[in-house]
Each structure stands twice: as structure tokens, then as C-alpha cells.
Amino acid sequence: GTFSEWSSTKTLAFQKVPGAYLVITASSLLDQSWCSASENICIAGRYGQVLNYCSMAGFSIVCSDGTTAASTGWEAYGSSGGVDSSHQAGLGTGWSTTCISQSGFYLVSDSKTDKAWVSS
């Protein structure tokens, strides 16, 4: 699918490796310096508020073995910058559980599939 279009289905294939991590990086397309005085919200904190990304961002996946974003075992790492090489390898500190996202996006192929994001 087209990477920059959320409504375009993306697929990937990989071989499971016992003991290895599947690391997928994702980011919100929201400009982190965006603020709206009329709605009194701001991502960068200009108005002293922090947005709950679990309500506005998300990651969704459906695997051939039945694994989805709502399956147990997912961990997430949140960063305001890029994801460093240690975390890209599934290592590093600061991993947390995921939240079930309430974002309005959905998989075109399955609009009822749960979405997850970093909970902290």
C-alpha cells in the first residue's frame, strides 16, 4: 500500500524467530508544535495542556495467526524524537503496556479491529 495514506492497506511478511522481537515503529502525523487557541488544546504545551494520544493516534494490525493490536504481549516505547537503534532492536528501557486507542481511524479491510498506542 501507499505508505503516506492511512487508508491504504500495507502488508509485510517475515519469518518468526524464537526469542526475537518484532519491532514496528510508528509516529503520529500531528505536528507537535500545533496549537488551537479556540479549542484550548495544544500538543507542545503552549496552553499548558497535554493531549492524550490514546484518543487520537493508533496502530492496527491483523496477522495471519490471529494476532491483532488487542492481543496480549504488545509493548510500546514512546518518544518525542526518533526511535534510537537500541529500541529499534527491541532493547532499551522505557517500554510500557499499550492502550486501546479511541482514534477515529480504522483498517479499511476490517473497521472493527482494535487499535493500540503507547499508554504513557
Foldseek 3Di string as FASTA:
>chain_A
DDPVDLQDDDDDDDDDDPPFDDDDDDDDPDDQQDDDPVVQDHCVCPSPDHDQVLAADWDWDADPVGDIQPDPDDKDADDPDDDDPQVSRVHDDRIGDWDFGNHPDAHPVDRPTTTIDHRD
